[in-house]
PDB file of N, CA and C in Angstrom:
ATOM      1  N   MET A   1       3.304 104.776  -5.717  1.00  0.00           N
ATOM      2  CA  MET A   1       3.433 103.743  -6.623  1.00  0.00           C
ATOM      3  C   MET A   1       2.167 103.319  -6.634  1.00  0.00           C
ATOM      4  N   GLN A   2       1.573 102.502  -7.539  1.00  0.00           N
ATOM      5  CA  GLN A   2       0.351 101.776  -7.790  1.00  0.00           C
ATOM      6  C   GLN A   2       0.747 100.235  -7.720  1.00  0.00           C
ATOM      7  N   PRO A   3      -0.396  99.439  -7.255  1.00  0.00           N
ATOM      8  CA  PRO A   3       0.187  97.684  -7.009  1.00  0.00           C
ATOM      9  C   PRO A   3      -0.085  97.294  -8.017  1.00  0.00           C
ATOM     10  N   GLU A   4       0.839  96.371  -8.165  1.00  0.00           N
ATOM     11  CA  GLU A   4       0.689  95.584  -9.563  1.00  0.00           C
ATOM     12  C   GLU A   4      -0.593  95.145 -10.065  1.00  0.00           C
ATOM     13  N   TRP A   5      -1.178  94.970  -9.128  1.00  0.00           N
ATOM     14  CA  TRP A   5      -2.906  94.571  -9.929  1.00  0.00           C
ATOM     15  C   TRP A   5      -3.665  95.614 -10.234  1.00  0.00           C
ATOM     16  N   PHE A   6      -3.142  96.699  -9.767  1.00  0.00           N
ATOM     17  CA  PHE A   6      -4.502  97.917 -10.647  1.00  0.00           C
ATOM     18  C   PHE A   6      -3.953  97.939 -11.767  1.00  0.00           C
ATOM     19  N   VAL A   7      -5.052  98.453 -12.688  1.00  0.00           N
ATOM     20  CA  VAL A   7      -5.030  98.604 -13.878  1.00  0.00           C
ATOM     21  C   VAL A   7      -5.565  99.553 -14.315  1.00  0.00           C
ATOM     22  N   PRO A   8      -5.072 100.743 -14.567  1.00  0.00           N
ATOM     23  CA  PRO A   8      -5.635 102.285 -14.629  1.00  0.00           C
ATOM     24  C   PRO A   8      -6.317 102.356 -16.077  1.00  0.00           C
ATOM     25  N   ASP A   9      -7.494 102.994 -15.977  1.00  0.00           N
ATOM     26  CA  ASP A   9      -8.409 103.420 -17.096  1.00  0.00           C
ATOM     27  C   ASP A   9      -7.795 104.406 -18.615  1.00  0.00           C
ATOM     28  N   THR A  10      -7.206 103.452 -19.313  1.00  0.00           N
ATOM     29  CA  THR A  10      -6.339 103.970 -20.338  1.00  0.00           C
ATOM     30  C   THR A  10      -7.126 105.229 -21.633  1.00  0.00           C
ATOM     31  N   GLY A  11      -8.470 105.145 -21.120  1.00  0.00           N
ATOM     32  CA  GLY A  11      -9.067 105.820 -22.227  1.00  0.00           C
ATOM     33  C   GLY A  11      -9.656 104.944 -23.876  1.00  0.00           C
ATOM     34  N   ARG A  12      -9.464 103.722 -23.620  1.00  0.00           N
ATOM     35  CA  ARG A  12      -9.771 103.286 -24.894  1.00  0.00           C
ATOM     36  C   ARG A  12     -10.581 103.666 -25.416  1.00  0.00           C
ATOM     37  N   LYS A  13     -11.041 103.567 -26.595  1.00  0.00           N
ATOM     38  CA  LYS A  13     -12.146 104.273 -27.581  1.00  0.00           C
ATOM     39  C   LYS A  13     -12.480 103.033 -28.921  1.00  0.00           C
ATOM     40  N   GLU A  14     -13.562 103.337 -28.999  1.00  0.00           N
ATOM     41  CA  GLU A  14     -14.213 102.076 -29.767  1.00  0.00           C
ATOM     42  C   GLU A  14     -13.354 102.590 -30.908  1.00  0.00           C
ATOM     43  N   PHE A  15     -13.063 101.197 -32.237  1.00  0.00           N
ATOM     44  CA  PHE A  15     -12.218 101.240 -32.954  1.00  0.00           C
ATOM     45  C   PHE A  15     -12.810 100.118 -34.386  1.00  0.00           C
ATOM     46  N   TRP A  16     -12.585 100.204 -35.487  1.00  0.00           N
ATOM     47  CA  TRP A  16     -12.447  99.619 -36.666  1.00  0.00           C
ATOM     48  C   TRP A  16     -11.714  98.406 -37.049  1.00  0.00           C
ATOM     49  N   THR A  17     -12.239  97.342 -37.070  1.00  0.00           N
ATOM     50  CA  THR A  17     -11.301  96.006 -37.271  1.00  0.00           C
ATOM     51  C   THR A  17     -11.669  95.358 -38.761  1.00  0.00           C
ATOM     52  N   GLU A  18     -10.680  95.296 -39.454  1.00  0.00           N
ATOM     53  CA  GLU A  18     -10.646  94.394 -40.586  1.00  0.00           C
ATOM     54  C   GLU A  18     -11.671  93.709 -40.939  1.00  0.00           C
ATOM     55  N   GLU A  19     -11.869  93.134 -39.395  1.00  0.00           N
ATOM     56  CA  GLU A  19     -13.052  91.914 -38.919  1.00  0.00           C
ATOM     57  C   GLU A  19     -14.651  92.070 -39.429  1.00  0.00           C
ATOM     58  N   ARG A  20     -14.855  93.284 -40.363  1.00  0.00           N
ATOM     59  CA  ARG A  20     -15.518  94.243 -40.501  1.00  0.00           C
ATOM     60  C   ARG A  20     -16.518  94.571 -38.864  1.00  0.00           C
ATOM     61  N   CYS A  21     -16.021  95.017 -37.714  1.00  0.00           N
ATOM     62  CA  CYS A  21     -17.084  95.376 -36.771  1.00  0.00           C
ATOM     63  C   CYS A  21     -16.011  96.593 -35.702  1.00  0.00           C
ATOM     64  N   PHE A  22     -17.025  97.264 -34.959  1.00  0.00           N
ATOM     65  CA  PHE A  22     -16.243  97.625 -34.264  1.00  0.00           C
ATOM     66  C   PHE A  22     -16.058  97.228 -32.797  1.00  0.00           C
ATOM     67  N   ILE A  23     -14.698  97.421 -32.224  1.00  0.00           N
ATOM     68  CA  ILE A  23     -14.346  97.183 -30.705  1.00  0.00           C
ATOM     69  C   ILE A  23     -13.719  97.886 -29.834  1.00  0.00           C
ATOM     70  N   THR A  24     -14.399  97.692 -28.566  1.00  0.00           N
ATOM     71  CA  THR A  24     -14.262  98.527 -27.694  1.00  0.00           C
ATOM     72  C   THR A  24     -13.443  97.605 -26.420  1.00  0.00           C
ATOM     73  N   GLU A  25     -11.963  98.211 -26.292  1.00  0.00           N
ATOM     74  CA  GLU A  25     -11.434  97.047 -24.826  1.00  0.00           C
ATOM     75  C   GLU A  25     -11.972  97.121 -23.880  1.00  0.00           C
ATOM     76  N   LEU A  26     -12.630  96.933 -23.170  1.00  0.00           N
ATOM     77  CA  LEU A  26     -12.397  97.359 -21.680  1.00  0.00           C
ATOM     78  C   LEU A  26     -11.216  96.366 -20.692  1.00  0.00           C
ATOM     79  N   LEU A  27     -10.813  95.184 -21.077  1.00  0.00           N
ATOM     80  CA  LEU A  27      -9.688  94.491 -20.348  1.00  0.00           C
ATOM     81  C   LEU A  27      -8.955  94.081 -21.202  1.00  0.00           C
ATOM     82  N   ASN A  28      -7.743  94.363 -21.605  1.00  0.00           N
ATOM     83  CA  ASN A  28      -7.053  93.626 -22.288  1.00  0.00           C
ATOM     84  C   ASN A  28      -5.218  94.186 -22.114  1.00  0.00           C
ATOM     85  N   THR A  29      -4.912  93.570 -21.213  1.00  0.00           N
ATOM     86  CA  THR A  29      -3.059  93.880 -20.480  1.00  0.00           C
ATOM     87  C   THR A  29      -2.628  92.618 -20.067  1.00  0.00           C
ATOM     88  N   PRO A  30      -1.335  92.487 -20.355  1.00  0.00           N
ATOM     89  CA  PRO A  30      -0.695  91.269 -19.566  1.00  0.00           C
ATOM     90  C   PRO A  30      -0.405  91.391 -18.038  1.00  0.00           C
ATOM     91  N   ALA A  31      -1.120  92.440 -17.156  1.00  0.00           N
ATOM     92  CA  ALA A  31      -1.095  92.014 -15.832  1.00  0.00           C
ATOM     93  C   ALA A  31      -2.451  91.019 -15.572  1.00  0.00           C
ATOM     94  N   SER A  32      -3.306  90.868 -17.109  1.00  0.00           N
ATOM     95  CA  SER A  32      -4.657  90.034 -17.111  1.00  0.00           C
ATOM     96  C   SER A  32      -4.395  88.770 -17.641  1.00  0.00           C
ATOM     97  N   PRO A  33      -3.337  88.069 -17.889  1.00  0.00           N
ATOM     98  CA  PRO A  33      -2.947  86.549 -18.971  1.00  0.00           C
ATOM     99  C   PRO A  33      -3.686  86.010 -19.122  1.00  0.00           C
ATOM    100  N   ASP A  34      -4.759  85.489 -18.082  1.00  0.00           N
ATOM    101  CA  ASP A  34      -5.552  84.944 -18.545  1.00  0.00           C
ATOM    102  C   ASP A  34      -7.294  85.374 -18.880  1.00  0.00           C
ATOM    103  N   ALA A  35      -7.323  86.062 -19.402  1.00  0.00           N
ATOM    104  CA  ALA A  35      -8.882  86.927 -19.861  1.00  0.00           C
ATOM    105  C   ALA A  35      -8.770  87.935 -20.759  1.00  0.00           C
ATOM    106  N   SER A  36      -9.337  88.634 -21.317  1.00  0.00           N
ATOM    107  CA  SER A  36      -9.969  89.966 -21.595  1.00  0.00           C
ATOM    108  C   SER A  36     -10.984  90.088 -21.871  1.00  0.00           C
ATOM    109  N   LEU A  37     -11.593  90.954 -22.302  1.00  0.00           N
ATOM    110  CA  LEU A  37     -12.830  91.437 -22.045  1.00  0.00           C
ATOM    111  C   LEU A  37     -13.248  92.939 -23.100  1.00  0.00           C
ATOM    112  N   ALA A  38     -14.212  92.274 -23.708  1.00  0.00           N
ATOM    113  CA  ALA A  38     -14.027  93.571 -25.072  1.00  0.00           C
ATOM    114  C   ALA A  38     -15.752  93.975 -25.431  1.00  0.00           C
ATOM    115  N   VAL A  39     -16.256  94.741 -26.114  1.00  0.00           N
ATOM    116  CA  VAL A  39     -17.498  94.973 -26.460  1.00  0.00           C
ATOM    117  C   VAL A  39     -17.285  95.109 -28.378  1.00  0.00           C
ATOM    118  N   ALA A  40     -17.603  94.138 -28.677  1.00  0.00           N
ATOM    119  CA  ALA A  40     -17.888  94.115 -30.180  1.00  0.00           C
ATOM    120  C   ALA A  40     -19.563  94.726 -30.962  1.00  0.00           C
ATOM    121  N   ARG A  41     -18.915  95.516 -31.458  1.00  0.00           N
ATOM    122  CA  ARG A  41     -20.623  95.937 -32.230  1.00  0.00           C
ATOM    123  C   ARG A  41     -20.259  95.666 -33.795  1.00  0.00           C
ATOM    124  N   VAL A  42     -21.482  95.221 -34.277  1.00  0.00           N
ATOM    125  CA  VAL A  42     -21.996  95.195 -35.960  1.00  0.00           C
ATOM    126  C   VAL A  42     -22.888  95.654 -36.622  1.00  0.00           C
ATOM    127  N   GLU A  43     -22.894  96.928 -37.261  1.00  0.00           N
ATOM    128  CA  GLU A  43     -24.019  97.106 -37.752  1.00  0.00           C
ATOM    129  C   GLU A  43     -24.876  96.362 -38.626  1.00  0.00           C
ATOM    130  N   PRO A  44     -26.127  97.044 -38.544  1.00  0.00           N
ATOM    131  CA  PRO A  44     -27.189  96.304 -39.200  1.00  0.00           C
ATOM    132  C   PRO A  44     -26.886  95.358 -40.746  1.00  0.00           C
ATOM    133  N   GLY A  45     -27.091  94.035 -41.035  1.00  0.00           N
ATOM    134  CA  GLY A  45     -26.540  93.384 -41.864  1.00  0.00           C
ATOM    135  C   GLY A  45     -25.687  93.424 -42.337  1.00  0.00           C
ATOM    136  N   VAL A  46     -24.588  93.028 -41.719  1.00  0.00           N
ATOM    137  CA  VAL A  46     -22.814  92.759 -41.403  1.00  0.00           C
ATOM    138  C   VAL A  46     -23.202  91.531 -41.446  1.00  0.00           C
ATOM    139  N   THR A  47     -21.710  90.716 -41.788  1.00  0.00           N
ATOM    140  CA  THR A  47     -20.996  89.888 -41.327  1.00  0.00           C
ATOM    141  C   THR A  47     -19.744  89.910 -41.011  1.00  0.00           C
ATOM    142  N   THR A  48     -19.365  89.667 -39.580  1.00  0.00           N
ATOM    143  CA  THR A  48     -17.816  89.908 -39.424  1.00  0.00           C
ATOM    144  C   THR A  48     -16.961  88.318 -40.859  1.00  0.00           C
ATOM    145  N   GLN A  49     -16.134  88.675 -40.778  1.00  0.00           N
ATOM    146  CA  GLN A  49     -15.029  87.736 -41.213  1.00  0.00           C
ATOM    147  C   GLN A  49     -15.048  86.901 -40.592  1.00  0.00           C
ATOM    148  N   LEU A  50     -15.582  85.725 -41.656  1.00  0.00           N
ATOM    149  CA  LEU A  50     -15.072  84.231 -41.420  1.00  0.00           C
ATOM    150  C   LEU A  50     -13.457  84.334 -40.535  1.00  0.00           C
ATOM    151  N   HIS A  51     -13.075  84.014 -39.484  1.00  0.00           N
ATOM    152  CA  HIS A  51     -12.039  83.643 -38.681  1.00  0.00           C
ATOM    153  C   HIS A  51     -11.458  82.134 -37.706  1.00  0.00           C
ATOM    154  N   LYS A  52     -10.376  82.496 -36.668  1.00  0.00           N
ATOM    155  CA  LYS A  52     -10.409  81.787 -35.425  1.00  0.00           C
ATOM    156  C   LYS A  52      -9.679  82.209 -35.016  1.00  0.00           C
ATOM    157  N   LEU A  53      -9.426  81.829 -33.414  1.00  0.00           N
ATOM    158  CA  LEU A  53      -8.384  82.320 -32.526  1.00  0.00           C
ATOM    159  C   LEU A  53      -7.806  80.917 -32.446  1.00  0.00           C
ATOM    160  N   SER A  54      -6.542  81.200 -32.679  1.00  0.00           N
ATOM    161  CA  SER A  54      -6.069  79.931 -32.389  1.00  0.00           C
ATOM    162  C   SER A  54      -5.332  79.996 -31.094  1.00  0.00           C
ATOM    163  N   GLY A  55      -5.479  79.101 -30.396  1.00  0.00           N
ATOM    164  CA  GLY A  55      -5.615  79.025 -28.850  1.00  0.00           C
ATOM    165  C   GLY A  55      -5.975  80.002 -27.873  1.00  0.00           C
ATOM    166  N   ILE A  56      -7.238  80.552 -28.499  1.00  0.00           N
ATOM    167  CA  ILE A  56      -7.855  81.528 -27.709  1.00  0.00           C
ATOM    168  C   ILE A  56      -9.926  80.791 -27.299  1.00  0.00           C
ATOM    169  N   SER A  57      -9.852  80.811 -26.697  1.00  0.00           N
ATOM    170  CA  SER A  57     -11.570  80.663 -26.702  1.00  0.00           C
ATOM    171  C   SER A  57     -12.204  81.298 -26.468  1.00  0.00           C
ATOM    172  N   GLU A  58     -13.046  81.862 -26.891  1.00  0.00           N
ATOM    173  CA  GLU A  58     -14.163  83.179 -26.856  1.00  0.00           C
ATOM    174  C   GLU A  58     -16.081  82.852 -25.889  1.00  0.00           C
ATOM    175  N   ARG A  59     -16.180  83.808 -25.465  1.00  0.00           N
ATOM    176  CA  ARG A  59     -17.658  83.657 -24.894  1.00  0.00           C
ATOM    177  C   ARG A  59     -18.560  84.881 -25.421  1.00  0.00           C
ATOM    178  N   TYR A  60     -19.680  85.082 -26.129  1.00  0.00           N
ATOM    179  CA  TYR A  60     -20.080  85.987 -26.459  1.00  0.00           C
ATOM    180  C   TYR A  60     -21.450  85.799 -25.496  1.00  0.00           C
ATOM    181  N   ILE A  61     -21.893  87.421 -25.164  1.00  0.00           N
ATOM    182  CA  ILE A  61     -23.077  87.532 -24.747  1.00  0.00           C
ATOM    183  C   ILE A  61     -23.335  88.750 -25.349  1.00  0.00           C
ATOM    184  N   VAL A  62     -24.650  88.373 -25.390  1.00  0.00           N
ATOM    185  CA  VAL A  62     -25.534  89.614 -26.492  1.00  0.00           C
ATOM    186  C   VAL A  62     -25.730  90.410 -25.078  1.00  0.00           C
ATOM    187  N   ARG A  63     -25.719  91.897 -25.678  1.00  0.00           N
ATOM    188  CA  ARG A  63     -26.460  93.107 -24.987  1.00  0.00           C
ATOM    189  C   ARG A  63     -27.308  93.758 -25.110  1.00  0.00           C
ATOM    190  N   LYS A  64     -27.108  94.189 -27.156  1.00  0.00           N
ATOM    191  CA  LYS A  64     -28.057  94.781 -27.859  1.00  0.00           C
ATOM    192  C   LYS A  64     -28.425  94.188 -29.089  1.00  0.00           C
ATOM    193  N   GLY A  65     -29.172  93.569 -29.683  1.00  0.00           N
ATOM    194  CA  GLY A  65     -29.516  93.637 -30.897  1.00  0.00           C
ATOM    195  C   GLY A  65     -30.013  91.889 -31.114  1.00  0.00           C
ATOM    196  N   GLU A  66     -30.149  91.335 -32.650  1.00  0.00           N
ATOM    197  CA  GLU A  66     -29.950  90.014 -32.540  1.00  0.00           C
ATOM    198  C   GLU A  66     -29.371  89.899 -33.580  1.00  0.00           C
ATOM    199  N   GLY A  67     -28.647  88.605 -33.840  1.00  0.00           N
ATOM    200  CA  GLY A  67     -28.129  87.925 -35.163  1.00  0.00           C
ATOM    201  C   GLY A  67     -28.169  86.805 -35.099  1.00  0.00           C
ATOM    202  N   VAL A  68     -26.865  86.039 -36.053  1.00  0.00           N
ATOM    203  CA  VAL A  68     -26.884  85.031 -36.311  1.00  0.00           C
ATOM    204  C   VAL A  68     -25.542  84.739 -35.676  1.00  0.00           C
ATOM    205  N   ILE A  69     -25.113  83.358 -35.276  1.00  0.00           N
ATOM    206  CA  ILE A  69     -23.805  83.235 -35.185  1.00  0.00           C
ATOM    207  C   ILE A  69     -23.383  81.907 -35.498  1.00  0.00           C
ATOM    208  N   GLU A  70     -22.470  81.249 -36.270  1.00  0.00           N
ATOM    209  CA  GLU A  70     -21.940  80.225 -37.393  1.00  0.00           C
ATOM    210  C   GLU A  70     -20.446  79.785 -36.563  1.00  0.00           C
ATOM    211  N   ILE A  71     -20.715  78.972 -36.026  1.00  0.00           N
ATOM    212  CA  ILE A  71     -19.197  78.497 -35.346  1.00  0.00           C
ATOM    213  C   ILE A  71     -19.405  76.538 -36.292  1.00  0.00           C
ATOM    214  N   ASP A  72     -17.848  76.686 -36.596  1.00  0.00           N
ATOM    215  CA  ASP A  72     -17.515  76.014 -37.305  1.00  0.00           C
ATOM    216  C   ASP A  72     -19.181  74.968 -38.290  1.00  0.00           C
ATOM    217  N   GLY A  73     -19.619  75.978 -39.076  1.00  0.00           N
ATOM    218  CA  GLY A  73     -20.576  76.062 -40.021  1.00  0.00           C
ATOM    219  C   GLY A  73     -21.773  75.617 -39.158  1.00  0.00           C
ATOM    220  N   VAL A  74     -22.134  75.551 -37.784  1.00  0.00           N
ATOM    221  CA  VAL A  74     -23.215  75.376 -37.367  1.00  0.00           C
ATOM    222  C   VAL A  74     -23.756  77.055 -36.959  1.00  0.00           C
ATOM    223  N   ARG A  75     -24.883  77.124 -37.599  1.00  0.00           N
ATOM    224  CA  ARG A  75     -25.829  78.343 -37.185  1.00  0.00           C
ATOM    225  C   ARG A  75     -26.436  78.707 -36.298  1.00  0.00           C
ATOM    226  N   GLN A  76     -26.575  79.403 -35.382  1.00  0.00           N
ATOM    227  CA  GLN A  76     -28.064  79.648 -34.330  1.00  0.00           C
ATOM    228  C   GLN A  76     -28.183  81.049 -34.074  1.00  0.00           C
ATOM    229  N   PRO A  77     -29.271  81.298 -34.104  1.00  0.00           N
ATOM    230  CA  PRO A  77     -29.895  82.698 -33.647  1.00  0.00           C
ATOM    231  C   PRO A  77     -29.766  83.094 -32.161  1.00  0.00           C
ATOM    232  N   LEU A  78     -29.366  84.057 -32.256  1.00  0.00           N
ATOM    233  CA  LEU A  78     -28.671  85.251 -30.921  1.00  0.00           C
ATOM    234  C   LEU A  78     -29.542  86.420 -30.542  1.00  0.00           C
ATOM    235  N   ALA A  79     -30.373  86.460 -29.200  1.00  0.00           N
ATOM    236  CA  ALA A  79     -30.568  87.478 -29.151  1.00  0.00           C
ATOM    237  C   ALA A  79     -30.169  88.223 -27.538  1.00  0.00           C
ATOM    238  N   VAL A  80     -30.706  89.470 -27.318  1.00  0.00           N
ATOM    239  CA  VAL A  80     -30.464  89.934 -25.959  1.00  0.00           C
ATOM    240  C   VAL A  80     -30.163  88.969 -24.865  1.00  0.00           C
ATOM    241  N   GLY A  81     -29.494  88.639 -24.087  1.00  0.00           N
ATOM    242  CA  GLY A  81     -28.956  87.434 -23.537  1.00  0.00           C
ATOM    243  C   GLY A  81     -28.381  86.586 -23.337  1.00  0.00           C
ATOM    244  N   ASP A  82     -28.464  86.138 -24.680  1.00  0.00           N
ATOM    245  CA  ASP A  82     -28.208  84.790 -25.468  1.00  0.00           C
ATOM    246  C   ASP A  82     -26.590  84.970 -25.009  1.00  0.00           C
ATOM    247  N   GLN A  83     -25.973  83.513 -24.750  1.00  0.00           N
ATOM    248  CA  GLN A  83     -24.918  83.789 -24.847  1.00  0.00           C
ATOM    249  C   GLN A  83     -24.602  82.549 -25.738  1.00  0.00           C
ATOM    250  N   ALA A  84     -22.787  82.587 -26.475  1.00  0.00           N
ATOM    251  CA  ALA A  84     -22.405  81.774 -27.034  1.00  0.00           C
ATOM    252  C   ALA A  84     -20.496  81.222 -26.512  1.00  0.00           C
ATOM    253  N   VAL A  85     -20.490  79.981 -26.326  1.00  0.00           N
ATOM    254  CA  VAL A  85     -18.959  79.926 -25.771  1.00  0.00           C
ATOM    255  C   VAL A  85     -18.522  79.086 -26.975  1.00  0.00           C
ATOM    256  N   ILE A  86     -17.440  79.608 -27.863  1.00  0.00           N
ATOM    257  CA  ILE A  86     -16.874  79.060 -28.967  1.00  0.00           C
ATOM    258  C   ILE A  86     -15.385  78.268 -28.932  1.00  0.00           C
ATOM    259  N   PRO A  87     -14.890  77.615 -29.298  1.00  0.00           N
ATOM    260  CA  PRO A  87     -13.544  76.799 -28.509  1.00  0.00           C
ATOM    261  C   PRO A  87     -12.496  77.223 -29.407  1.00  0.00           C
ATOM    262  N   ALA A  88     -11.566  77.560 -29.021  1.00  0.00           N
ATOM    263  CA  ALA A  88     -10.464  77.808 -29.399  1.00  0.00           C
ATOM    264  C   ALA A  88     -10.361  77.082 -30.801  1.00  0.00           C
ATOM    265  N   ASP A  89      -9.354  77.905 -31.565  1.00  0.00           N
ATOM    266  CA  ASP A  89      -9.444  77.087 -33.499  1.00  0.00           C
ATOM    267  C   ASP A  89     -10.709  77.334 -34.000  1.00  0.00           C
ATOM    268  N   ALA A  90     -11.616  77.474 -32.831  1.00  0.00           N
ATOM    269  CA  ALA A  90     -12.896  77.435 -33.916  1.00  0.00           C
ATOM    270  C   ALA A  90     -13.854  78.337 -35.245  1.00  0.00           C
ATOM    271  N   ALA A  91     -13.702  77.702 -36.244  1.00  0.00           N
ATOM    272  CA  ALA A  91     -14.294  78.695 -37.626  1.00  0.00           C
ATOM    273  C   ALA A  91     -15.396  79.310 -36.971  1.00  0.00           C
ATOM    274  N   GLN A  92     -15.522  80.851 -37.167  1.00  0.00           N
ATOM    275  CA  GLN A  92     -16.793  81.522 -36.511  1.00  0.00           C
ATOM    276  C   GLN A  92     -16.819  82.833 -37.712  1.00  0.00           C
ATOM    277  N   CYS A  93     -18.293  83.302 -37.606  1.00  0.00           N
ATOM    278  CA  CYS A  93     -18.468  84.374 -37.693  1.00  0.00           C
ATOM    279  C   CYS A  93     -19.955  85.467 -37.033  1.00  0.00           C
ATOM    280  N   ILE A  94     -20.769  86.050 -37.399  1.00  0.00           N
ATOM    281  CA  ILE A  94     -21.534  86.700 -36.741  1.00  0.00           C
ATOM    282  C   ILE A  94     -22.503  87.643 -37.706  1.00  0.00           C
ATOM    283  N   THR A  95     -23.664  87.401 -37.762  1.00  0.00           N
ATOM    284  CA  THR A  95     -24.453  88.146 -38.587  1.00  0.00           C
ATOM    285  C   THR A  95     -25.533  88.597 -38.081  1.00  0.00           C
ATOM    286  N   ASN A  96     -24.949  90.298 -38.217  1.00  0.00           N
ATOM    287  CA  ASN A  96     -26.614  91.327 -37.545  1.00  0.00           C
ATOM    288  C   ASN A  96     -27.952  90.521 -38.281  1.00  0.00           C
ATOM    289  N   THR A  97     -28.965  90.447 -37.943  1.00  0.00           N
ATOM    290  CA  THR A  97     -30.035  90.269 -39.072  1.00  0.00           C
ATOM    291  C   THR A  97     -31.055  91.330 -38.622  1.00  0.00           C
ATOM    292  N   GLY A  98     -30.715  92.171 -37.648  1.00  0.00           N
ATOM    293  CA  GLY A  98     -31.688  93.281 -36.897  1.00  0.00           C
ATOM    294  C   GLY A  98     -31.660  94.488 -37.872  1.00  0.00           C
ATOM    295  N   SER A  99     -32.579  95.680 -36.916  1.00  0.00           N
ATOM    296  CA  SER A  99     -32.440  96.971 -37.839  1.00  0.00           C
ATOM    297  C   SER A  99     -31.652  97.859 -36.587  1.00  0.00           C
ATOM    298  N   ASP A 100     -31.056  97.036 -36.108  1.00  0.00           N
ATOM    299  CA  ASP A 100     -30.428  98.225 -34.909  1.00  0.00           C
ATOM    300  C   ASP A 100     -28.947  97.746 -34.530  1.00  0.00           C
ATOM    301  N   ASP A 101     -27.753  98.191 -34.289  1.00  0.00           N
ATOM    302  CA  ASP A 101     -26.656  97.252 -34.666  1.00  0.00           C
ATOM    303  C   ASP A 101     -26.852  96.243 -32.990  1.00  0.00           C
ATOM    304  N   LEU A 102     -25.874  95.315 -33.336  1.00  0.00           N
ATOM    305  CA  LEU A 102     -25.995  94.407 -32.863  1.00  0.00           C
ATOM    306  C   LEU A 102     -24.506  94.397 -31.363  1.00  0.00           C
ATOM    307  N   GLU A 103     -24.674  94.126 -30.595  1.00  0.00           N
ATOM    308  CA  GLU A 103     -23.360  94.378 -29.494  1.00  0.00           C
ATOM    309  C   GLU A 103     -23.441  93.168 -28.601  1.00  0.00           C
ATOM    310  N   PHE A 104     -22.285  92.581 -28.149  1.00  0.00           N
ATOM    311  CA  PHE A 104     -22.254  91.689 -27.688  1.00  0.00           C
ATOM    312  C   PHE A 104     -20.856  91.928 -27.216  1.00  0.00           C
ATOM    313  N   TYR A 105     -20.676  91.314 -25.786  1.00  0.00           N
ATOM    314  CA  TYR A 105     -19.021  91.540 -24.892  1.00  0.00           C
ATOM    315  C   TYR A 105     -18.313  90.017 -25.500  1.00  0.00           C
ATOM    316  N   CYS A 106     -17.063  89.983 -25.522  1.00  0.00           N
ATOM    317  CA  CYS A 106     -16.682  89.429 -25.901  1.00  0.00           C
ATOM    318  C   CYS A 106     -15.491  89.075 -24.524  1.00  0.00           C
ATOM    319  N   LEU A 107     -15.889  87.707 -23.853  1.00  0.00           N
ATOM    320  CA  LEU A 107     -14.597  87.473 -23.034  1.00  0.00           C
ATOM    321  C   LEU A 107     -13.625  86.159 -23.631  1.00  0.00           C
ATOM    322  N   CYS A 108     -12.368  86.512 -24.416  1.00  0.00           N
ATOM    323  CA  CYS A 108     -11.472  85.321 -24.300  1.00  0.00           C
ATOM    324  C   CYS A 108     -10.479  85.062 -23.310  1.00  0.00           C
ATOM    325  N   THR A 109     -10.244  83.932 -23.660  1.00  0.00           N
ATOM    326  CA  THR A 109      -9.742  82.761 -22.013  1.00  0.00           C
ATOM    327  C   THR A 109      -8.386  82.418 -22.987  1.00  0.00           C
ATOM    328  N   PRO A 110      -6.726  82.289 -22.773  1.00  0.00           N
ATOM    329  CA  PRO A 110      -6.297  83.554 -22.272  1.00  0.00           C
ATOM    330  C   PRO A 110      -7.281  85.215 -23.230  1.00  0.00           C
ATOM    331  N   ARG A 111      -6.308  85.698 -22.528  1.00  0.00           N
ATOM    332  CA  ARG A 111      -6.339  87.020 -23.183  1.00  0.00           C
ATOM    333  C   ARG A 111      -6.224  87.021 -24.789  1.00  0.00           C
ATOM    334  N   PHE A 112      -7.159  88.283 -25.533  1.00  0.00           N
ATOM    335  CA  PHE A 112      -7.114  88.417 -27.125  1.00  0.00           C
ATOM    336  C   PHE A 112      -5.200  88.945 -27.163  1.00  0.00           C
ATOM    337  N   ARG A 113      -4.880  88.198 -28.250  1.00  0.00           N
ATOM    338  CA  ARG A 113      -3.873  89.159 -28.683  1.00  0.00           C
ATOM    339  C   ARG A 113      -4.027  89.220 -30.380  1.00  0.00           C
ATOM    340  N   PRO A 114      -3.631  90.072 -31.042  1.00  0.00           N
ATOM    341  CA  PRO A 114      -3.799  90.215 -32.463  1.00  0.00           C
ATOM    342  C   PRO A 114      -2.958  88.789 -33.005  1.00  0.00           C
ATOM    343  N   GLU A 115      -1.855  88.523 -33.049  1.00  0.00           N
ATOM    344  CA  GLU A 115      -1.250  87.292 -33.607  1.00  0.00           C
ATOM    345  C   GLU A 115      -2.290  86.098 -33.537  1.00  0.00           C
ATOM    346  N   GLY A 116      -3.030  85.732 -32.872  1.00  0.00           N
ATOM    347  CA  GLY A 116      -3.927  84.547 -32.194  1.00  0.00           C
ATOM    348  C   GLY A 116      -4.878  84.671 -33.674  1.00  0.00           C
ATOM    349  N   TYR A 117      -5.393  86.247 -34.346  1.00  0.00           N
ATOM    350  CA  TYR A 117      -6.467  86.260 -35.332  1.00  0.00           C
ATOM    351  C   TYR A 117      -6.167  85.737 -36.269  1.00  0.00           C
ATOM    352  N   VAL A 118      -6.796  84.582 -36.974  1.00  0.00           N
ATOM    353  CA  VAL A 118      -6.928  83.771 -38.135  1.00  0.00           C
ATOM    354  C   VAL A 118      -7.981  84.065 -39.474  1.00  0.00           C
ATOM    355  N   SER A 119      -7.744  84.689 -39.976  1.00  0.00           N
ATOM    356  CA  SER A 119      -8.495  85.040 -41.483  1.00  0.00           C
ATOM    357  C   SER A 119      -8.794  83.671 -41.914  1.00  0.00           C
ATOM    358  N   LEU A 120     -10.302  83.555 -41.968  1.00  0.00           N
ATOM    359  CA  LEU A 120      -9.953  82.630 -43.239  1.00  0.00           C
ATOM    360  C   LEU A 120     -10.817  82.089 -44.040  1.00  0.00           C
ATOM    361  N   GLU A 121     -10.848  83.593 -44.666  1.00  0.00           N
ATOM    362  CA  GLU A 121     -11.326  84.137 -45.907  1.00  0.00           C
ATOM    363  C   GLU A 121     -10.338  84.479 -47.218  1.00  0.00           C
ATOM    364  N   ASP A 122     -10.296  84.511 -47.935  1.00  0.00           N
ATOM    365  CA  ASP A 122      -9.477  84.572 -49.194  1.00  0.00           C
ATOM    366  C   ASP A 122      -9.288  85.922 -49.415  1.00  0.00           C
TER     367      ASP A 122
END
């Protein structure tokens, strides 16, 4: 029997989202209710859906590419190594302004759950 703190690899693969980006969930399980971790990939020229996460704050850490993030109407360029701390319930989107894919880690607290995602587009 495995200990309750052990989370086996589930072989999760990258998947497309209505947010207009690809997601690979690295950690998102009830065993870790306080946080989840994913990698997001945004193709060149794409802007993700304007949205908010109800009751969930996010941290982005850019690992590849460049872009511009918008949080509550404030825009900020991001490059490799840059980070953004996104408060819960903040309107947000990110645009890939480079010629290569933009990839960043998404650390959510508490963990991401689909019912917390709220599209702010018509």
